[in-house]
Amino acid sequence: MDDELRALVEDEGVLLWGQVVNLHRALNARLHADIREASGLDGTEFEFLLRLARFPGPRTHATKVAAEMGFTSAGTTKLVARLEQKGLITRTRDPEDGRAFQVAITDEGERLLRAGLKAHIPQLDADVVQRLTATQRRQLHNLLGRIGPGEGTP
């Protein structure tokens, strides 16, 4: 390998990104398995319901939830249709903008989200939270907030 390629491969940003990708992959595999076993939800369904539940009020635009997930409009349409078909959300036209849809989590959606969270939280606590001190958790939260696109409250 030549010196230029070696320098590119060992670039600090590339190495940091690799660590983030590896951590994300490992945690997703482990945590999504627990969520699926407890609730039957796949990771995308669970994440949509979780983010929807965080919005204030009983309903919001599906595009707002999907934007936080980095989804395209085509991906959003398919996901919303799947969740609606499973009875986990309701979808209604926005009374102020007839072109837009608002979504709300159903009782069944809440039940499955609760089941997923009850499986997710202890595993997340063991795999992430308890491995860091309170100070390290605050630092990580702050650092991720500085570099994470779209992170924060809705």
Protein backbone atom coordinates (compact mmCIF):
# COMPACT_ATOMS: atom_id res chain seq x y z
CA MET A 1 0.00 0.00 0.00
CA ASP A 2 1.41 3.41 -0.90
CA ASP A 3 1.85 6.22 1.63
CA GLU A 4 -1.07 8.27 0.30
CA LEU A 5 -3.54 5.39 0.62
CA ARG A 6 -2.13 4.47 4.06
CA ALA A 7 -2.72 8.06 5.23
CA LEU A 8 -6.28 8.02 3.88
CA VAL A 9 -7.09 4.66 5.46
CA GLU A 10 -5.71 5.82 8.80
CA ASP A 11 -7.37 9.25 8.71
CA GLU A 12 -8.76 10.13 12.15
CA GLY A 13 -12.25 10.81 10.79
CA VAL A 14 -12.30 7.51 8.93
CA LEU A 15 -11.20 5.65 12.08
CA LEU A 16 -13.82 7.41 14.25
CA TRP A 17 -16.51 6.68 11.69
CA GLY A 18 -15.49 3.02 11.65
CA GLN A 19 -15.88 2.82 15.42
CA VAL A 20 -19.33 4.44 15.23
CA VAL A 21 -20.44 2.06 12.47
CA ASN A 22 -19.15 -1.01 14.35
CA LEU A 23 -20.85 0.08 17.58
CA HIS A 24 -24.12 0.81 15.77
CA ARG A 25 -24.06 -2.54 13.97
CA ALA A 26 -23.31 -4.53 17.13
CA LEU A 27 -25.88 -2.77 19.30
CA ASN A 28 -28.56 -2.88 16.60
CA ALA A 29 -28.17 -6.60 16.10
CA ARG A 30 -28.37 -7.34 19.81
CA LEU A 31 -31.06 -4.84 20.77
CA HIS A 32 -33.31 -5.38 17.76
CA ALA A 33 -33.38 -9.10 18.48
CA ASP A 34 -34.66 -8.39 22.00
CA ILE A 35 -37.26 -5.95 20.70
CA ARG A 36 -38.47 -8.37 18.02
CA GLU A 37 -38.74 -11.24 20.49
CA ALA A 38 -40.72 -9.15 22.97
CA SER A 39 -42.97 -7.25 20.57
CA GLY A 40 -42.78 -8.72 17.08
CA LEU A 41 -41.71 -5.29 15.79
CA ASP A 42 -38.75 -4.90 13.49
CA GLY A 43 -36.24 -2.17 14.26
CA THR A 44 -37.75 0.37 11.86
CA GLU A 45 -41.30 -0.16 13.12
CA PHE A 46 -40.12 0.15 16.72
CA GLU A 47 -38.14 3.31 16.00
CA PHE A 48 -41.07 4.96 14.22
CA LEU A 49 -43.43 4.21 17.11
CA LEU A 50 -40.86 5.38 19.65
CA ARG A 51 -40.25 8.67 17.85
CA LEU A 52 -43.99 9.16 17.28
CA ALA A 53 -44.64 8.64 21.00
CA ARG A 54 -42.12 11.40 21.81
CA PHE A 55 -44.00 14.05 19.86
CA PRO A 56 -46.30 16.24 21.96
CA GLY A 57 -50.00 15.86 21.34
CA PRO A 58 -52.01 12.94 20.10
CA ARG A 59 -50.98 13.19 16.44
CA THR A 60 -48.33 14.61 14.15
CA HIS A 61 -47.32 14.50 10.51
CA ALA A 62 -45.75 11.22 9.46
CA THR A 63 -43.14 13.19 7.52
CA LYS A 64 -41.91 14.83 10.74
CA VAL A 65 -41.37 11.45 12.37
CA ALA A 66 -39.73 10.05 9.26
CA ALA A 67 -37.47 13.10 8.89
CA GLU A 68 -35.99 12.35 12.31
CA MET A 69 -35.27 8.85 11.06
CA GLY A 70 -33.69 10.08 7.82
CA PHE A 71 -36.37 8.41 5.69
CA THR A 72 -37.34 9.41 2.16
CA SER A 73 -40.98 10.04 1.31
CA ALA A 74 -41.22 6.69 -0.51
CA GLY A 75 -39.81 4.85 2.50
CA THR A 76 -42.17 6.73 4.78
CA THR A 77 -45.21 5.87 2.71
CA LYS A 78 -44.40 2.15 2.82
CA LEU A 79 -43.63 2.16 6.55
CA VAL A 80 -46.76 4.13 7.46
CA ALA A 81 -48.91 1.82 5.33
CA ARG A 82 -47.39 -1.24 7.02
CA LEU A 83 -47.91 0.17 10.52
CA GLU A 84 -51.47 1.21 9.69
CA GLN A 85 -52.25 -2.24 8.23
CA LYS A 86 -50.96 -3.84 11.45
CA GLY A 87 -53.24 -1.56 13.48
CA LEU A 88 -50.33 0.17 15.24
CA ILE A 89 -51.08 3.70 14.00
CA THR A 90 -54.01 5.57 12.55
CA ARG A 91 -53.57 7.88 9.59
CA THR A 92 -55.90 10.77 8.87
CA ARG A 93 -55.82 13.74 6.53
CA ASP A 94 -54.60 16.95 8.10
CA PRO A 95 -57.68 19.18 8.47
CA GLU A 96 -55.56 22.25 7.68
CA ASP A 97 -53.70 20.73 4.70
CA GLY A 98 -55.68 18.12 2.81
CA ARG A 99 -52.54 16.89 1.03
CA ALA A 100 -50.79 15.90 4.26
CA PHE A 101 -51.47 13.05 6.67
CA GLN A 102 -51.25 12.98 10.41
CA VAL A 103 -50.54 9.80 12.35
CA ALA A 104 -51.32 8.70 15.88
CA ILE A 105 -50.27 5.63 17.81
CA THR A 106 -53.07 3.19 18.62
CA ASP A 107 -53.58 1.27 21.85
CA GLU A 108 -52.06 -1.79 20.17
CA GLY A 109 -49.10 0.30 19.00
CA GLU A 110 -48.60 1.52 22.56
CA ARG A 111 -48.82 -2.04 23.87
CA LEU A 112 -46.14 -3.31 21.50
CA LEU A 113 -43.95 -0.25 22.04
CA ARG A 114 -44.18 -0.81 25.81
CA ALA A 115 -43.27 -4.49 25.38
CA GLY A 116 -40.32 -3.58 23.17
CA LEU A 117 -39.09 -0.94 25.60
CA LYS A 118 -39.34 -3.30 28.56
CA ALA A 119 -37.02 -5.68 26.69
CA HIS A 120 -34.86 -2.90 25.24
CA ILE A 121 -34.11 -0.84 28.33
CA PRO A 122 -32.47 -3.51 30.52
CA GLN A 123 -30.28 -4.67 27.63
CA LEU A 124 -29.40 -1.08 26.70
CA ASP A 125 -28.61 -0.40 30.34
CA ALA A 126 -26.27 -3.40 30.51
CA ASP A 127 -24.62 -2.82 27.12
CA VAL A 128 -24.26 0.97 27.24
CA VAL A 129 -25.38 2.87 30.32
CA GLN A 130 -23.67 0.85 33.05
CA ARG A 131 -20.39 0.71 31.13
CA LEU A 132 -20.04 4.48 31.49
CA THR A 133 -19.92 6.74 34.52
CA ALA A 134 -22.57 9.45 34.90
CA THR A 135 -20.00 12.01 33.73
CA GLN A 136 -19.09 9.90 30.68
CA ARG A 137 -22.78 9.49 29.78
CA ARG A 138 -23.29 13.27 29.91
CA GLN A 139 -20.16 13.78 27.80
CA LEU A 140 -21.29 11.20 25.24
CA HIS A 141 -24.75 12.76 25.09
CA ASN A 142 -23.24 16.20 24.52
CA LEU A 143 -20.78 14.94 21.91
CA LEU A 144 -23.44 13.08 19.98
CA GLY A 145 -25.65 16.15 20.09
CA ARG A 146 -22.86 18.18 18.48
CA ILE A 147 -22.40 15.84 15.54
CA GLY A 148 -25.79 14.12 15.20
CA PRO A 149 -28.00 15.55 12.45
CA GLY A 150 -31.58 16.14 13.52
CA GLU A 151 -31.00 14.99 17.06
CA GLY A 152 -32.85 16.59 19.92
CA THR A 153 -36.44 17.11 20.83
CA PRO A 154 -39.18 17.36 18.19
